[in-house]
């Protein structure tokens, strides 16, 4: 499996399971409706676990442009590989969101509340204040990236030509990464829904805008820059501190 395919499939599975648990909790007439925040944060942590397990041996399982940026800024990842990784992550996130839409289509049709439908695709703030929403995404992502630096397993040997590419995470990092994401969700997720991943928010938001689902409200594009730039700034801050230690 090539790194591009691994990043695509790993991100797809992460979004399918992560957005899937949100759908199970918020949509009408599901078996898990009303499961609450503990179910969502646990489901998202396990979704990350699955994505990292699948992609780790082949790409290092970034699954997140903020992770890719963080490793590139610290010199642990080749800048030339960044565009391909980010493209794979965006495509995988879009495909994963489309699969959630397909899987829960009957329940989307049965749900009248537009906000609930948006929730299973992307994040939105509990209290809309762009300064604090941006700061929340930046701080939460800083915690993620700074922690991930300390569980990186270094280099990956590519199977096609035997060359070594520094990538960061392998499958051995799946469990600690899942715990980090779980901790962030439980402690820091209540303000913005903790996107902490530009691809996780941007691509599914685009799918919300494109896909039919009965009554549908705004995709809230005026907010969309926050879960993109906030995580990227958090990754840059984490890389700066890590490089200076």
C-alpha atoms as a PDB file:
ATOM      1  CA  UNK A   1       0.000   0.000   0.000  1.00  0.00           C
ATOM      2  CA  UNK A   2       1.402   3.413  -0.936  1.00  0.00           C
ATOM      3  CA  UNK A   3       1.517   6.241   1.637  1.00  0.00           C
ATOM      4  CA  UNK A   4      -1.118   8.161  -0.368  1.00  0.00           C
ATOM      5  CA  UNK A   5      -3.576   5.261  -0.305  1.00  0.00           C
ATOM      6  CA  UNK A   6      -2.824   4.592   3.362  1.00  0.00           C
ATOM      7  CA  UNK A   7      -3.532   8.201   4.345  1.00  0.00           C
ATOM      8  CA  UNK A   8      -6.716   8.168   2.275  1.00  0.00           C
ATOM      9  CA  UNK A   9      -8.032   4.906   3.727  1.00  0.00           C
ATOM     10  CA  UNK A  10      -6.956   5.692   7.281  1.00  0.00           C
ATOM     11  CA  UNK A  11      -8.667   9.080   7.172  1.00  0.00           C
ATOM     12  CA  UNK A  12     -11.753   7.560   5.539  1.00  0.00           C
ATOM     13  CA  UNK A  13     -12.122   4.996   8.314  1.00  0.00           C
ATOM     14  CA  UNK A  14     -11.508   7.608  11.004  1.00  0.00           C
ATOM     15  CA  UNK A  15     -14.237   9.879   9.621  1.00  0.00           C
ATOM     16  CA  UNK A  16     -16.649   7.004   8.973  1.00  0.00           C
ATOM     17  CA  UNK A  17     -16.432   5.883  12.603  1.00  0.00           C
ATOM     18  CA  UNK A  18     -15.951   9.323  14.171  1.00  0.00           C
ATOM     19  CA  UNK A  19     -18.763  11.098  12.366  1.00  0.00           C
ATOM     20  CA  UNK A  20     -20.705   7.866  12.558  1.00  0.00           C
ATOM     21  CA  UNK A  21     -20.801   7.946  16.350  1.00  0.00           C
ATOM     22  CA  UNK A  22     -22.055  11.540  16.205  1.00  0.00           C
ATOM     23  CA  UNK A  23     -24.791  10.464  13.800  1.00  0.00           C
ATOM     24  CA  UNK A  24     -25.749   7.605  16.104  1.00  0.00           C
ATOM     25  CA  UNK A  25     -26.126   9.989  19.031  1.00  0.00           C
ATOM     26  CA  UNK A  26     -27.830  13.025  17.435  1.00  0.00           C
ATOM     27  CA  UNK A  27     -30.078  11.711  14.657  1.00  0.00           C
ATOM     28  CA  UNK A  28     -33.673  10.660  15.153  1.00  0.00           C
ATOM     29  CA  UNK A  29     -34.665   7.015  15.708  1.00  0.00           C
ATOM     30  CA  UNK A  30     -31.171   5.551  15.966  1.00  0.00           C
ATOM     31  CA  UNK A  31     -30.370   2.922  18.595  1.00  0.00           C
ATOM     32  CA  UNK A  32     -27.809   5.238  20.169  1.00  0.00           C
ATOM     33  CA  UNK A  33     -29.794   8.479  20.182  1.00  0.00           C
ATOM     34  CA  UNK A  34     -29.111  10.591  23.257  1.00  0.00           C
ATOM     35  CA  UNK A  35     -25.965   8.667  24.163  1.00  0.00           C
ATOM     36  CA  UNK A  36     -24.222  11.891  25.131  1.00  0.00           C
ATOM     37  CA  UNK A  37     -20.751  13.377  25.140  1.00  0.00           C
ATOM     38  CA  UNK A  38     -18.990  10.388  26.697  1.00  0.00           C
ATOM     39  CA  UNK A  39     -20.174   8.167  23.857  1.00  0.00           C
ATOM     40  CA  UNK A  40     -19.082  10.706  21.232  1.00  0.00           C
ATOM     41  CA  UNK A  41     -15.620  11.298  22.689  1.00  0.00           C
ATOM     42  CA  UNK A  42     -15.037   7.591  23.198  1.00  0.00           C
ATOM     43  CA  UNK A  43     -16.220   6.789  19.687  1.00  0.00           C
ATOM     44  CA  UNK A  44     -13.948   9.428  18.204  1.00  0.00           C
ATOM     45  CA  UNK A  45     -10.945   8.149  20.156  1.00  0.00           C
ATOM     46  CA  UNK A  46     -11.576   4.631  18.890  1.00  0.00           C
ATOM     47  CA  UNK A  47     -12.082   5.967  15.359  1.00  0.00           C
ATOM     48  CA  UNK A  48      -8.609   7.508  15.511  1.00  0.00           C
ATOM     49  CA  UNK A  49      -7.264   4.204  16.829  1.00  0.00           C
ATOM     50  CA  UNK A  50      -8.643   2.302  13.840  1.00  0.00           C
ATOM     51  CA  UNK A  51      -7.336   4.857  11.345  1.00  0.00           C
ATOM     52  CA  UNK A  52      -3.841   4.818  12.831  1.00  0.00           C
ATOM     53  CA  UNK A  53      -3.723   1.000  12.990  1.00  0.00           C
ATOM     54  CA  UNK A  54      -4.603   0.721   9.299  1.00  0.00           C
ATOM     55  CA  UNK A  55      -2.407   3.516   7.941  1.00  0.00           C
ATOM     56  CA  UNK A  56       0.470   3.411  10.415  1.00  0.00           C
ATOM     57  CA  UNK A  57       2.678   0.754   8.797  1.00  0.00           C
ATOM     58  CA  UNK A  58       2.438   2.397   5.366  1.00  0.00           C
ATOM     59  CA  UNK A  59       2.313   6.166   5.862  1.00  0.00           C
ATOM     60  CA  UNK A  60       2.913   6.855   9.537  1.00  0.00           C
ATOM     61  CA  UNK A  61      -0.802   7.627   9.930  1.00  0.00           C
ATOM     62  CA  UNK A  62      -0.847  11.397  10.023  1.00  0.00           C
ATOM     63  CA  UNK A  63      -4.538  11.509   8.976  1.00  0.00           C
ATOM     64  CA  UNK A  64      -4.452  15.232   9.752  1.00  0.00           C
ATOM     65  CA  UNK A  65      -2.822  18.188   7.945  1.00  0.00           C
ATOM     66  CA  UNK A  66      -1.886  19.635  11.338  1.00  0.00           C
ATOM     67  CA  UNK A  67       0.147  16.505  12.145  1.00  0.00           C
ATOM     68  CA  UNK A  68       1.803  16.625   8.717  1.00  0.00           C
ATOM     69  CA  UNK A  69       2.622  20.312   9.168  1.00  0.00           C
ATOM     70  CA  UNK A  70       3.987  19.743  12.658  1.00  0.00           C
ATOM     71  CA  UNK A  71       6.365  17.010  11.525  1.00  0.00           C
ATOM     72  CA  UNK A  72       7.467  19.066   8.523  1.00  0.00           C
ATOM     73  CA  UNK A  73       8.185  22.134  10.663  1.00  0.00           C
ATOM     74  CA  UNK A  74      10.354  20.107  13.025  1.00  0.00           C
ATOM     75  CA  UNK A  75      12.293  18.571  10.162  1.00  0.00           C
ATOM     76  CA  UNK A  76      10.902  15.086  10.768  1.00  0.00           C
ATOM     77  CA  UNK A  77       8.972  14.956   7.499  1.00  0.00           C
ATOM     78  CA  UNK A  78       9.885  15.922   3.942  1.00  0.00           C
ATOM     79  CA  UNK A  79       8.163  19.108   2.733  1.00  0.00           C
ATOM     80  CA  UNK A  80       7.942  17.589  -0.735  1.00  0.00           C
ATOM     81  CA  UNK A  81       5.602  14.904   0.629  1.00  0.00           C
ATOM     82  CA  UNK A  82       3.252  17.358   2.376  1.00  0.00           C
ATOM     83  CA  UNK A  83       0.922  18.166  -0.587  1.00  0.00           C
ATOM     84  CA  UNK A  84       0.301  14.487  -1.334  1.00  0.00           C
ATOM     85  CA  UNK A  85      -0.447  13.668   2.287  1.00  0.00           C
ATOM     86  CA  UNK A  86      -2.851  16.598   2.679  1.00  0.00           C
ATOM     87  CA  UNK A  87      -4.630  15.736  -0.584  1.00  0.00           C
ATOM     88  CA  UNK A  88      -5.079  12.143   0.561  1.00  0.00           C
ATOM     89  CA  UNK A  89      -6.421  13.295   3.923  1.00  0.00           C
ATOM     90  CA  UNK A  90      -8.957  15.634   2.311  1.00  0.00           C
ATOM     91  CA  UNK A  91     -10.150  13.005  -0.153  1.00  0.00           C
ATOM     92  CA  UNK A  92     -10.380  10.387   2.578  1.00  0.00           C
ATOM     93  CA  UNK A  93     -12.332  12.723   4.852  1.00  0.00           C
ATOM     94  CA  UNK A  94     -14.777  13.571   2.066  1.00  0.00           C
ATOM     95  CA  UNK A  95     -15.282   9.891   1.234  1.00  0.00           C
ATOM     96  CA  UNK A  96     -15.741   8.980   4.891  1.00  0.00           C
ATOM     97  CA  UNK A  97     -18.375  11.697   5.303  1.00  0.00           C
ATOM     98  CA  UNK A  98     -20.184  10.458   2.196  1.00  0.00           C
ATOM     99  CA  UNK A  99     -20.281   6.948   3.654  1.00  0.00           C
ATOM    100  CA  UNK A 100     -21.750   8.266   6.910  1.00  0.00           C
ATOM    101  CA  UNK A 101     -24.394  10.074   4.848  1.00  0.00           C
ATOM    102  CA  UNK A 102     -25.198   6.853   2.995  1.00  0.00           C
ATOM    103  CA  UNK A 103     -25.201   4.700   6.122  1.00  0.00           C
ATOM    104  CA  UNK A 104     -27.500   7.037   8.072  1.00  0.00           C
ATOM    105  CA  UNK A 105     -29.515   8.377   5.145  1.00  0.00           C
ATOM    106  CA  UNK A 106     -32.900   7.181   6.453  1.00  0.00           C
ATOM    107  CA  UNK A 107     -32.205   8.778   9.821  1.00  0.00           C
ATOM    108  CA  UNK A 108     -31.061  12.024   8.197  1.00  0.00           C
ATOM    109  CA  UNK A 109     -34.388  12.111   6.353  1.00  0.00           C
ATOM    110  CA  UNK A 110     -36.209  11.446   9.626  1.00  0.00           C
ATOM    111  CA  UNK A 111     -34.395  14.285  11.426  1.00  0.00           C
ATOM    112  CA  UNK A 112     -35.890  17.751  11.069  1.00  0.00           C
ATOM    113  CA  UNK A 113     -33.302  19.746  13.007  1.00  0.00           C
ATOM    114  CA  UNK A 114     -30.734  21.206  10.555  1.00  0.00           C
ATOM    115  CA  UNK A 115     -28.185  21.747  13.341  1.00  0.00           C
ATOM    116  CA  UNK A 116     -28.190  18.040  14.213  1.00  0.00           C
ATOM    117  CA  UNK A 117     -27.543  17.157  10.587  1.00  0.00           C
ATOM    118  CA  UNK A 118     -24.632  19.586  10.412  1.00  0.00           C
ATOM    119  CA  UNK A 119     -23.160  18.171  13.628  1.00  0.00           C
ATOM    120  CA  UNK A 120     -22.449  14.791  12.072  1.00  0.00           C
ATOM    121  CA  UNK A 121     -20.388  16.413   9.303  1.00  0.00           C
ATOM    122  CA  UNK A 122     -18.403  19.187  10.966  1.00  0.00           C
ATOM    123  CA  UNK A 123     -17.927  21.229  14.122  1.00  0.00           C
ATOM    124  CA  UNK A 124     -19.644  24.341  15.414  1.00  0.00           C
ATOM    125  CA  UNK A 125     -19.138  26.425  18.551  1.00  0.00           C
ATOM    126  CA  UNK A 126     -21.272  26.077  21.659  1.00  0.00           C
ATOM    127  CA  UNK A 127     -20.919  29.841  22.150  1.00  0.00           C
ATOM    128  CA  UNK A 128     -20.032  31.769  19.002  1.00  0.00           C
ATOM    129  CA  UNK A 129     -17.055  33.990  19.779  1.00  0.00           C
ATOM    130  CA  UNK A 130     -14.428  33.771  17.083  1.00  0.00           C
ATOM    131  CA  UNK A 131     -11.567  34.865  19.334  1.00  0.00           C
ATOM    132  CA  UNK A 132     -12.197  32.154  21.897  1.00  0.00           C
ATOM    133  CA  UNK A 133     -13.260  29.582  19.299  1.00  0.00           C
ATOM    134  CA  UNK A 134      -9.970  30.090  17.445  1.00  0.00           C
ATOM    135  CA  UNK A 135      -7.985  29.962  20.674  1.00  0.00           C
ATOM    136  CA  UNK A 136      -9.788  26.765  21.702  1.00  0.00           C
ATOM    137  CA  UNK A 137      -8.956  24.980  18.457  1.00  0.00           C
ATOM    138  CA  UNK A 138      -5.366  26.219  18.585  1.00  0.00           C
ATOM    139  CA  UNK A 139      -4.801  25.117  22.193  1.00  0.00           C
ATOM    140  CA  UNK A 140      -6.472  21.723  21.747  1.00  0.00           C
ATOM    141  CA  UNK A 141      -4.419  21.022  18.627  1.00  0.00           C
ATOM    142  CA  UNK A 142      -1.252  22.170  20.377  1.00  0.00           C
ATOM    143  CA  UNK A 143      -1.887  19.492  23.010  1.00  0.00           C
ATOM    144  CA  UNK A 144      -2.403  16.875  20.295  1.00  0.00           C
ATOM    145  CA  UNK A 145       0.655  17.700  18.200  1.00  0.00           C
ATOM    146  CA  UNK A 146       3.034  18.329  21.096  1.00  0.00           C
ATOM    147  CA  UNK A 147       2.047  14.991  22.632  1.00  0.00           C
ATOM    148  CA  UNK A 148       2.327  13.153  19.319  1.00  0.00           C
ATOM    149  CA  UNK A 149       5.933  14.312  18.933  1.00  0.00           C
ATOM    150  CA  UNK A 150       6.839  12.209  21.959  1.00  0.00           C
ATOM    151  CA  UNK A 151       5.326   8.993  20.616  1.00  0.00           C
ATOM    152  CA  UNK A 152       6.725   9.288  17.106  1.00  0.00           C
ATOM    153  CA  UNK A 153       8.535   6.154  15.970  1.00  0.00           C
ATOM    154  CA  UNK A 154      10.793   7.894  13.503  1.00  0.00           C
ATOM    155  CA  UNK A 155      11.304   6.466  10.025  1.00  0.00           C
ATOM    156  CA  UNK A 156       9.333   4.318   7.608  1.00  0.00           C
ATOM    157  CA  UNK A 157      10.883   2.179   4.873  1.00  0.00           C
ATOM    158  CA  UNK A 158       8.770   2.358   1.750  1.00  0.00           C
ATOM    159  CA  UNK A 159       8.076  -1.077   0.237  1.00  0.00           C
ATOM    160  CA  UNK A 160       8.318  -0.046  -3.421  1.00  0.00           C
ATOM    161  CA  UNK A 161      11.940   1.099  -3.532  1.00  0.00           C
ATOM    162  CA  UNK A 162      13.275   0.538  -0.038  1.00  0.00           C
ATOM    163  CA  UNK A 163      13.900   4.213   0.624  1.00  0.00           C
ATOM    164  CA  UNK A 164      13.318   5.655   4.062  1.00  0.00           C
ATOM    165  CA  UNK A 165      10.892   8.506   4.647  1.00  0.00           C
ATOM    166  CA  UNK A 166      10.578  10.188   8.046  1.00  0.00           C
ATOM    167  CA  UNK A 167       6.894  10.118   8.895  1.00  0.00           C
ATOM    168  CA  UNK A 168       6.255  10.129  12.639  1.00  0.00           C
ATOM    169  CA  UNK A 169       3.588   7.674  13.723  1.00  0.00           C
ATOM    170  CA  UNK A 170       3.425   3.947  13.213  1.00  0.00           C
ATOM    171  CA  UNK A 171       0.746   1.493  14.244  1.00  0.00           C
ATOM    172  CA  UNK A 172       2.418   1.165  17.648  1.00  0.00           C
ATOM    173  CA  UNK A 173       1.282   4.718  18.323  1.00  0.00           C
ATOM    174  CA  UNK A 174      -2.391   3.943  17.774  1.00  0.00           C
ATOM    175  CA  UNK A 175      -3.357   3.399  21.399  1.00  0.00           C
ATOM    176  CA  UNK A 176      -1.574   6.423  22.911  1.00  0.00           C
ATOM    177  CA  UNK A 177      -2.890   8.675  20.133  1.00  0.00           C
ATOM    178  CA  UNK A 178      -6.411   7.425  20.835  1.00  0.00           C
ATOM    179  CA  UNK A 179      -5.987   8.252  24.517  1.00  0.00           C
ATOM    180  CA  UNK A 180      -4.703  11.735  23.672  1.00  0.00           C
ATOM    181  CA  UNK A 181      -7.700  12.423  21.431  1.00  0.00           C
ATOM    182  CA  UNK A 182     -10.031  11.055  24.110  1.00  0.00           C
ATOM    183  CA  UNK A 183      -8.482  13.310  26.746  1.00  0.00           C
ATOM    184  CA  UNK A 184      -8.769  16.350  24.483  1.00  0.00           C
ATOM    185  CA  UNK A 185     -12.410  15.588  23.737  1.00  0.00           C
ATOM    186  CA  UNK A 186     -13.324  15.140  27.387  1.00  0.00           C
ATOM    187  CA  UNK A 187     -11.411  18.166  28.673  1.00  0.00           C
ATOM    188  CA  UNK A 188     -11.246  20.667  25.809  1.00  0.00           C
ATOM    189  CA  UNK A 189     -13.962  19.610  23.383  1.00  0.00           C
ATOM    190  CA  UNK A 190     -16.955  21.317  24.916  1.00  0.00           C
ATOM    191  CA  UNK A 191     -16.434  24.750  23.370  1.00  0.00           C
ATOM    192  CA  UNK A 192     -16.003  24.030  19.653  1.00  0.00           C
ATOM    193  CA  UNK A 193     -16.440  20.275  19.257  1.00  0.00           C
ATOM    194  CA  UNK A 194     -12.633  19.860  18.942  1.00  0.00           C
ATOM    195  CA  UNK A 195     -12.002  19.609  15.216  1.00  0.00           C
ATOM    196  CA  UNK A 196      -8.196  19.584  15.833  1.00  0.00           C
ATOM    197  CA  UNK A 197      -7.890  18.507  12.201  1.00  0.00           C
ATOM    198  CA  UNK A 198      -8.502  20.761   9.158  1.00  0.00           C
ATOM    199  CA  UNK A 199      -9.322  17.827   6.864  1.00  0.00           C
ATOM    200  CA  UNK A 200     -11.750  16.345   9.392  1.00  0.00           C
ATOM    201  CA  UNK A 201     -13.795  19.558   9.345  1.00  0.00           C
ATOM    202  CA  UNK A 202     -13.337  21.092   5.895  1.00  0.00           C
ATOM    203  CA  UNK A 203     -13.979  18.106   3.616  1.00  0.00           C
ATOM    204  CA  UNK A 204     -17.079  16.812   5.472  1.00  0.00           C
ATOM    205  CA  UNK A 205     -18.431  20.380   5.613  1.00  0.00           C
ATOM    206  CA  UNK A 206     -18.179  20.465   1.821  1.00  0.00           C
ATOM    207  CA  UNK A 207     -20.029  17.140   1.654  1.00  0.00           C
ATOM    208  CA  UNK A 208     -22.784  18.592   3.861  1.00  0.00           C
ATOM    209  CA  UNK A 209     -23.160  21.386   1.336  1.00  0.00           C
ATOM    210  CA  UNK A 210     -23.285  18.993  -1.621  1.00  0.00           C
ATOM    211  CA  UNK A 211     -25.299  15.995  -0.433  1.00  0.00           C
ATOM    212  CA  UNK A 212     -29.123  15.845  -0.261  1.00  0.00           C
ATOM    213  CA  UNK A 213     -30.631  15.066   3.123  1.00  0.00           C
ATOM    214  CA  UNK A 214     -34.111  16.498   3.236  1.00  0.00           C
ATOM    215  CA  UNK A 215     -34.397  19.679   5.261  1.00  0.00           C
ATOM    216  CA  UNK A 216     -30.898  21.139   5.416  1.00  0.00           C
ATOM    217  CA  UNK A 217     -29.640  24.390   6.852  1.00  0.00           C
ATOM    218  CA  UNK A 218     -26.476  26.355   6.267  1.00  0.00           C
ATOM    219  CA  UNK A 219     -23.061  24.680   6.155  1.00  0.00           C
ATOM    220  CA  UNK A 220     -21.787  27.683   8.160  1.00  0.00           C
ATOM    221  CA  UNK A 221     -18.901  28.564   5.876  1.00  0.00           C
ATOM    222  CA  UNK A 222     -18.352  31.810   7.761  1.00  0.00           C
ATOM    223  CA  UNK A 223     -17.073  29.679  10.665  1.00  0.00           C
ATOM    224  CA  UNK A 224     -15.160  27.142   8.562  1.00  0.00           C
ATOM    225  CA  UNK A 225     -11.817  28.982   8.674  1.00  0.00           C
ATOM    226  CA  UNK A 226     -11.530  28.533  12.447  1.00  0.00           C
ATOM    227  CA  UNK A 227     -11.243  24.696  12.497  1.00  0.00           C
ATOM    228  CA  UNK A 228      -8.733  25.017   9.644  1.00  0.00           C
ATOM    229  CA  UNK A 229      -6.427  27.836  10.727  1.00  0.00           C
ATOM    230  CA  UNK A 230      -6.767  27.192  14.463  1.00  0.00           C
ATOM    231  CA  UNK A 231      -5.343  23.655  14.265  1.00  0.00           C
ATOM    232  CA  UNK A 232      -2.599  24.723  11.840  1.00  0.00           C
ATOM    233  CA  UNK A 233      -1.510  27.496  14.204  1.00  0.00           C
ATOM    234  CA  UNK A 234      -1.626  25.057  17.124  1.00  0.00           C
ATOM    235  CA  UNK A 235       0.603  22.663  15.193  1.00  0.00           C
ATOM    236  CA  UNK A 236       3.065  25.463  14.388  1.00  0.00           C
ATOM    237  CA  UNK A 237       3.204  26.505  18.049  1.00  0.00           C
ATOM    238  CA  UNK A 238       3.793  22.906  19.140  1.00  0.00           C
ATOM    239  CA  UNK A 239       6.578  22.498  16.570  1.00  0.00           C
ATOM    240  CA  UNK A 240       8.199  25.754  17.684  1.00  0.00           C
ATOM    241  CA  UNK A 241       8.223  24.743  21.336  1.00  0.00           C
ATOM    242  CA  UNK A 242       9.341  21.187  20.610  1.00  0.00           C
ATOM    243  CA  UNK A 243      12.191  22.405  18.414  1.00  0.00           C
ATOM    244  CA  UNK A 244      13.336  24.780  21.123  1.00  0.00           C
ATOM    245  CA  UNK A 245      13.462  22.203  23.903  1.00  0.00           C
END
